[in-house]
Each structure stands twice: as C-alpha cells, then as structure tokens.
C-alpha cells in the first residue's frame, strides 16, 4: 500500500489548550504532511477534543435544508400527501442522521 502525501493530513488530539494549536512537523517520503485541525475521516469531521461539534453542525445544516424543502412541498391546504412527506423524510433525512462510516464494536 502506498500513502498519498497530498491526501494525508495530521492532527493533534489533546484536551490541553496549550498543546492544541501546536503544528506538527511530520514528513512522509521527504514531503511535509499538511496539518489540519478538523480532518474528515470517512465523512466524519473530527476535532482535537473529539467532541464532533463541527460534524454535528454540518449534519444539522444539511437536514435543515431538506426539512425546509419538505415544508415547502407540503403546504397547508394543498401539496404532497402525508404518505409522500413520510417517504421523503425516510429517503432524504434519515440516511444523513443514521450514517455511521465504520462499525462500532
């Protein structure tokens, strides 16, 4: 297996605020690896404290946009039927909320 220096990033995980902003100088095949505070790992945004705050905010933003679309097509006295709204919810929103990129044991 060959690692790509372009796609590879490094992050420091710590609860100590003094150490949190420290940049790591790691090289792979003579090339410096980019430091990233919130890298994405299989679609999951990770922060240095492992709070997943940025990931939750992104999920919230994505689902809010889709819920607003559903409200638009529902209407009060017109629009999509409740069955269609439920199907739309199950198709567009549930997969975003339930997505787990790796198996938890």
C-alpha atoms as a PDB file:
ATOM      1  CA  UNK A   1       0.000   0.000   0.000  1.00  0.00           C
ATOM      2  CA  UNK A   2       1.321   3.423  -0.934  1.00  0.00           C
ATOM      3  CA  UNK A   3       0.269   6.520   1.022  1.00  0.00           C
ATOM      4  CA  UNK A   4      -0.530   9.736  -0.820  1.00  0.00           C
ATOM      5  CA  UNK A   5       1.162  12.809   0.671  1.00  0.00           C
ATOM      6  CA  UNK A   6      -1.470  15.017  -0.989  1.00  0.00           C
ATOM      7  CA  UNK A   7      -4.435  13.298   0.714  1.00  0.00           C
ATOM      8  CA  UNK A   8      -2.722  12.602   4.051  1.00  0.00           C
ATOM      9  CA  UNK A   9      -3.184  15.080   6.923  1.00  0.00           C
ATOM     10  CA  UNK A  10      -2.101  15.087  10.556  1.00  0.00           C
ATOM     11  CA  UNK A  11      -3.959  16.248  13.661  1.00  0.00           C
ATOM     12  CA  UNK A  12      -3.048  16.550  17.315  1.00  0.00           C
ATOM     13  CA  UNK A  13      -5.716  15.164  19.660  1.00  0.00           C
ATOM     14  CA  UNK A  14      -5.444  16.695  23.128  1.00  0.00           C
ATOM     15  CA  UNK A  15      -7.505  18.176  25.926  1.00  0.00           C
ATOM     16  CA  UNK A  16      -4.751  20.650  26.809  1.00  0.00           C
ATOM     17  CA  UNK A  17      -5.425  24.060  25.270  1.00  0.00           C
ATOM     18  CA  UNK A  18      -1.718  24.965  25.264  1.00  0.00           C
ATOM     19  CA  UNK A  19      -0.902  21.972  23.087  1.00  0.00           C
ATOM     20  CA  UNK A  20      -3.973  22.208  20.846  1.00  0.00           C
ATOM     21  CA  UNK A  21      -2.659  24.853  18.444  1.00  0.00           C
ATOM     22  CA  UNK A  22       0.742  23.227  18.080  1.00  0.00           C
ATOM     23  CA  UNK A  23       1.651  22.375  14.491  1.00  0.00           C
ATOM     24  CA  UNK A  24       3.263  19.007  13.902  1.00  0.00           C
ATOM     25  CA  UNK A  25       6.191  18.687  11.513  1.00  0.00           C
ATOM     26  CA  UNK A  26       5.730  15.209  10.066  1.00  0.00           C
ATOM     27  CA  UNK A  27       7.262  14.097   6.785  1.00  0.00           C
ATOM     28  CA  UNK A  28       6.354  11.198   4.527  1.00  0.00           C
ATOM     29  CA  UNK A  29       8.726  10.269   1.703  1.00  0.00           C
ATOM     30  CA  UNK A  30      10.555  13.558   2.287  1.00  0.00           C
ATOM     31  CA  UNK A  31       7.402  15.674   1.863  1.00  0.00           C
ATOM     32  CA  UNK A  32       5.760  17.572   4.707  1.00  0.00           C
ATOM     33  CA  UNK A  33       2.257  16.370   5.635  1.00  0.00           C
ATOM     34  CA  UNK A  34      -0.369  19.093   5.917  1.00  0.00           C
ATOM     35  CA  UNK A  35      -1.710  19.855   9.411  1.00  0.00           C
ATOM     36  CA  UNK A  36      -5.489  20.117   9.684  1.00  0.00           C
ATOM     37  CA  UNK A  37      -7.486  20.977  12.816  1.00  0.00           C
ATOM     38  CA  UNK A  38     -10.730  19.287  11.695  1.00  0.00           C
ATOM     39  CA  UNK A  39      -9.929  16.483   9.259  1.00  0.00           C
ATOM     40  CA  UNK A  40     -12.616  14.335   7.645  1.00  0.00           C
ATOM     41  CA  UNK A  41     -12.339  10.585   8.166  1.00  0.00           C
ATOM     42  CA  UNK A  42     -14.815   8.587   6.061  1.00  0.00           C
ATOM     43  CA  UNK A  43     -17.232  11.533   6.070  1.00  0.00           C
ATOM     44  CA  UNK A  44     -16.894  12.167   9.814  1.00  0.00           C
ATOM     45  CA  UNK A  45     -15.438  15.547  10.851  1.00  0.00           C
ATOM     46  CA  UNK A  46     -13.101  15.067  13.806  1.00  0.00           C
ATOM     47  CA  UNK A  47     -11.865  17.844  16.111  1.00  0.00           C
ATOM     48  CA  UNK A  48      -8.949  17.825  18.538  1.00  0.00           C
ATOM     49  CA  UNK A  49     -11.180  17.311  21.617  1.00  0.00           C
ATOM     50  CA  UNK A  50     -13.272  14.583  19.924  1.00  0.00           C
ATOM     51  CA  UNK A  51     -16.498  16.494  20.609  1.00  0.00           C
ATOM     52  CA  UNK A  52     -17.650  16.149  16.970  1.00  0.00           C
ATOM     53  CA  UNK A  53     -19.194  19.627  17.226  1.00  0.00           C
ATOM     54  CA  UNK A  54     -18.355  20.600  13.612  1.00  0.00           C
ATOM     55  CA  UNK A  55     -19.710  17.285  12.335  1.00  0.00           C
ATOM     56  CA  UNK A  56     -22.992  17.755  14.212  1.00  0.00           C
ATOM     57  CA  UNK A  57     -23.297  21.320  12.883  1.00  0.00           C
ATOM     58  CA  UNK A  58     -22.799  20.076   9.318  1.00  0.00           C
ATOM     59  CA  UNK A  59     -25.455  17.370   9.741  1.00  0.00           C
ATOM     60  CA  UNK A  60     -27.811  19.944  11.254  1.00  0.00           C
ATOM     61  CA  UNK A  61     -27.303  22.300   8.296  1.00  0.00           C
ATOM     62  CA  UNK A  62     -27.860  19.536   5.738  1.00  0.00           C
ATOM     63  CA  UNK A  63     -31.036  18.237   7.389  1.00  0.00           C
ATOM     64  CA  UNK A  64     -32.438  21.755   7.937  1.00  0.00           C
ATOM     65  CA  UNK A  65     -32.220  22.477   4.205  1.00  0.00           C
ATOM     66  CA  UNK A  66     -34.092  19.286   3.386  1.00  0.00           C
ATOM     67  CA  UNK A  67     -36.745  19.830   6.057  1.00  0.00           C
ATOM     68  CA  UNK A  68     -37.377  23.332   4.667  1.00  0.00           C
ATOM     69  CA  UNK A  69     -37.853  21.797   1.224  1.00  0.00           C
ATOM     70  CA  UNK A  70     -40.379  19.341   2.688  1.00  0.00           C
ATOM     71  CA  UNK A  71     -42.284  22.190   4.365  1.00  0.00           C
ATOM     72  CA  UNK A  72     -42.413  23.978   1.029  1.00  0.00           C
ATOM     73  CA  UNK A  73     -43.925  20.998  -0.836  1.00  0.00           C
ATOM     74  CA  UNK A  74     -46.372  20.189   1.964  1.00  0.00           C
ATOM     75  CA  UNK A  75     -48.474  23.363   2.034  1.00  0.00           C
ATOM     76  CA  UNK A  76     -51.467  23.779   4.341  1.00  0.00           C
ATOM     77  CA  UNK A  77     -54.468  23.013   2.129  1.00  0.00           C
ATOM     78  CA  UNK A  78     -52.575  21.704  -0.878  1.00  0.00           C
ATOM     79  CA  UNK A  79     -49.373  19.890  -1.757  1.00  0.00           C
ATOM     80  CA  UNK A  80     -47.941  16.468  -1.082  1.00  0.00           C
ATOM     81  CA  UNK A  81     -49.843  13.833   0.871  1.00  0.00           C
ATOM     82  CA  UNK A  82     -48.717  12.822   4.377  1.00  0.00           C
ATOM     83  CA  UNK A  83     -47.595   9.459   2.974  1.00  0.00           C
ATOM     84  CA  UNK A  84     -45.373  11.173   0.400  1.00  0.00           C
ATOM     85  CA  UNK A  85     -43.945  13.510   3.081  1.00  0.00           C
ATOM     86  CA  UNK A  86     -43.088  10.488   5.268  1.00  0.00           C
ATOM     87  CA  UNK A  87     -41.455   8.710   2.326  1.00  0.00           C
ATOM     88  CA  UNK A  88     -39.475  11.862   1.512  1.00  0.00           C
ATOM     89  CA  UNK A  89     -38.357  12.118   5.155  1.00  0.00           C
ATOM     90  CA  UNK A  90     -37.241   8.483   5.215  1.00  0.00           C
ATOM     91  CA  UNK A  91     -35.399   8.912   1.928  1.00  0.00           C
ATOM     92  CA  UNK A  92     -33.703  12.304   2.378  1.00  0.00           C
ATOM     93  CA  UNK A  93     -33.213  12.884   6.099  1.00  0.00           C
ATOM     94  CA  UNK A  94     -32.945   9.573   7.972  1.00  0.00           C
ATOM     95  CA  UNK A  95     -29.870   8.387   5.975  1.00  0.00           C
ATOM     96  CA  UNK A  96     -27.974  11.573   6.903  1.00  0.00           C
ATOM     97  CA  UNK A  97     -28.782  11.199  10.600  1.00  0.00           C
ATOM     98  CA  UNK A  98     -28.095   7.454  10.785  1.00  0.00           C
ATOM     99  CA  UNK A  99     -24.918   7.336   8.674  1.00  0.00           C
ATOM    100  CA  UNK A 100     -22.073   5.648  10.558  1.00  0.00           C
ATOM    101  CA  UNK A 101     -18.892   5.398   8.480  1.00  0.00           C
ATOM    102  CA  UNK A 102     -17.423   2.464  10.420  1.00  0.00           C
ATOM    103  CA  UNK A 103     -18.659  -0.403  12.552  1.00  0.00           C
ATOM    104  CA  UNK A 104     -18.674   0.304  16.285  1.00  0.00           C
ATOM    105  CA  UNK A 105     -17.989  -2.754  18.401  1.00  0.00           C
END
